């Protein structure tokens, strides 16, 4: 298995497009699977359309689902930080994407994104791993 670490700055962004990094990692590797993993307790990964307003829509949906208030038992950090720790139960911290002939097998409008609502820690890592088939 081959692996690489991508450093991501999420400052001021809930959704960060990682598609080109993942595509580049898979390029020329033949057939297999790419696993994308965010080793964080407050971030997740998703496949979604970007550039059409969906990022803003996702941010609003997460704000409705995970309000930034004091209802959470997990209370360290910024107000509502407990919501950040619930996010990975809704937005998985990992994705697995098939690769055929070195090309990601994602849909035309799908992009690989990191989802991060935690304003306390904008420095993120994403682990890319390729398992050849």
Protein backbone atom coordinates (compact mmCIF):
# COMPACT_ATOMS: atom_id res chain seq x y z
CA UNK A 1 0.00 0.00 0.00
CA UNK A 2 1.24 3.48 -0.86
CA UNK A 3 0.33 6.44 1.33
CA UNK A 4 0.71 10.22 1.41
CA UNK A 5 -0.28 12.98 3.81
CA UNK A 6 -1.98 16.16 2.56
CA UNK A 7 -1.90 19.26 4.79
CA UNK A 8 -5.05 21.40 4.56
CA UNK A 9 -5.76 24.87 5.94
CA UNK A 10 -9.52 25.22 6.49
CA UNK A 11 -9.40 28.80 7.81
CA UNK A 12 -12.79 30.41 7.14
CA UNK A 13 -14.02 27.47 5.04
CA UNK A 14 -16.42 24.68 5.94
CA UNK A 15 -15.83 22.79 2.68
CA UNK A 16 -12.40 22.37 1.08
CA UNK A 17 -12.16 20.69 -2.34
CA UNK A 18 -9.46 17.99 -2.36
CA UNK A 19 -10.36 16.43 -5.71
CA UNK A 20 -7.20 17.48 -7.55
CA UNK A 21 -4.95 16.21 -4.75
CA UNK A 22 -6.75 12.85 -4.73
CA UNK A 23 -6.80 12.67 -8.54
CA UNK A 24 -3.08 13.42 -8.68
CA UNK A 25 -2.34 10.77 -6.06
CA UNK A 26 -4.18 8.13 -8.12
CA UNK A 27 -2.78 9.15 -11.50
CA UNK A 28 -0.71 6.47 -13.19
CA UNK A 29 -1.24 3.87 -10.48
CA UNK A 30 -3.42 1.49 -12.52
CA UNK A 31 -6.43 -0.20 -10.92
CA UNK A 32 -7.18 -0.18 -7.22
CA UNK A 33 -8.78 1.76 -4.41
CA UNK A 34 -7.91 5.10 -2.85
CA UNK A 35 -8.84 5.53 0.77
CA UNK A 36 -9.13 9.14 1.92
CA UNK A 37 -8.99 9.51 5.72
CA UNK A 38 -9.22 12.56 8.00
CA UNK A 39 -7.58 11.62 11.33
CA UNK A 40 -9.53 14.21 13.30
CA UNK A 41 -12.36 14.00 15.85
CA UNK A 42 -14.03 17.10 14.38
CA UNK A 43 -13.85 16.79 10.56
CA UNK A 44 -15.20 14.52 7.86
CA UNK A 45 -15.05 13.78 4.15
CA UNK A 46 -17.75 13.73 1.51
CA UNK A 47 -18.43 13.44 -2.19
CA UNK A 48 -20.50 16.40 -3.37
CA UNK A 49 -20.91 18.95 -6.13
CA UNK A 50 -18.89 22.13 -5.60
CA UNK A 51 -19.00 25.54 -7.23
CA UNK A 52 -22.78 25.60 -7.52
CA UNK A 53 -23.63 26.90 -4.05
CA UNK A 54 -23.77 23.44 -2.50
CA UNK A 55 -20.92 24.27 -0.12
CA UNK A 56 -22.97 27.12 1.36
CA UNK A 57 -26.06 24.90 1.47
CA UNK A 58 -24.13 22.22 3.36
CA UNK A 59 -22.84 24.81 5.83
CA UNK A 60 -26.39 26.01 6.48
CA UNK A 61 -27.71 22.45 6.84
CA UNK A 62 -24.97 21.61 9.35
CA UNK A 63 -25.72 24.81 11.30
CA UNK A 64 -29.36 23.67 11.58
CA UNK A 65 -28.41 20.10 12.55
CA UNK A 66 -25.57 21.09 14.88
CA UNK A 67 -26.37 24.47 16.48
CA UNK A 68 -23.49 26.38 18.03
CA UNK A 69 -24.81 26.70 21.57
CA UNK A 70 -24.30 25.23 25.03
CA UNK A 71 -26.54 22.16 24.69
CA UNK A 72 -23.54 19.78 24.37
CA UNK A 73 -21.89 17.94 27.24
CA UNK A 74 -18.54 18.27 25.45
CA UNK A 75 -17.84 21.93 26.32
CA UNK A 76 -14.17 22.81 25.96
CA UNK A 77 -13.08 25.19 23.21
CA UNK A 78 -15.29 27.75 21.50
CA UNK A 79 -19.01 28.01 22.20
CA UNK A 80 -20.80 25.04 20.63
CA UNK A 81 -17.57 23.07 20.12
CA UNK A 82 -19.45 19.94 21.18
CA UNK A 83 -21.20 20.11 17.79
CA UNK A 84 -17.80 19.74 16.11
CA UNK A 85 -17.37 16.37 17.82
CA UNK A 86 -20.76 15.15 16.57
CA UNK A 87 -19.96 16.01 12.93
CA UNK A 88 -17.94 12.82 12.12
CA UNK A 89 -20.99 10.72 13.03
CA UNK A 90 -22.87 12.52 10.22
CA UNK A 91 -20.00 13.16 7.77
CA UNK A 92 -17.70 10.13 7.74
CA UNK A 93 -13.99 10.65 8.40
CA UNK A 94 -13.17 8.35 5.46
CA UNK A 95 -14.03 7.62 1.83
CA UNK A 96 -12.99 4.81 -0.50
CA UNK A 97 -12.90 5.57 -4.22
CA UNK A 98 -12.30 3.06 -7.04
CA UNK A 99 -9.49 3.81 -9.49
CA UNK A 100 -9.39 2.27 -12.97
CA UNK A 101 -6.43 2.85 -15.24
CA UNK A 102 -5.15 5.55 -12.89
CA UNK A 103 -8.42 7.54 -13.04
CA UNK A 104 -10.79 8.21 -10.15
CA UNK A 105 -14.18 6.65 -10.76
CA UNK A 106 -16.29 9.51 -9.44
CA UNK A 107 -19.28 11.07 -11.14
CA UNK A 108 -19.11 14.12 -13.37
CA UNK A 109 -20.36 16.45 -10.65
CA UNK A 110 -18.75 14.74 -7.67
CA UNK A 111 -15.80 16.27 -5.85
CA UNK A 112 -13.88 14.96 -2.84
CA UNK A 113 -14.22 17.48 -0.02
CA UNK A 114 -13.06 17.90 3.56
CA UNK A 115 -15.87 19.17 5.80
CA UNK A 116 -14.74 21.12 8.86
CA UNK A 117 -16.98 23.27 11.07
CA UNK A 118 -14.36 23.53 13.84
CA UNK A 119 -13.01 27.08 13.90
CA UNK A 120 -10.63 26.24 16.78
CA UNK A 121 -8.23 24.20 14.62
CA UNK A 122 -7.84 25.09 10.93
CA UNK A 123 -4.71 22.98 10.43
CA UNK A 124 -5.84 19.60 9.12
CA UNK A 125 -4.29 16.47 7.67
CA UNK A 126 -5.80 14.07 5.19
CA UNK A 127 -4.20 10.65 4.61
CA UNK A 128 -4.41 9.27 1.05
CA UNK A 129 -3.71 5.55 0.65
CA UNK A 130 -3.68 3.49 -2.55
CA UNK A 131 -4.29 -0.24 -2.57
CA UNK A 132 -3.54 -1.73 -5.98
CA UNK A 133 -5.88 -4.33 -7.42
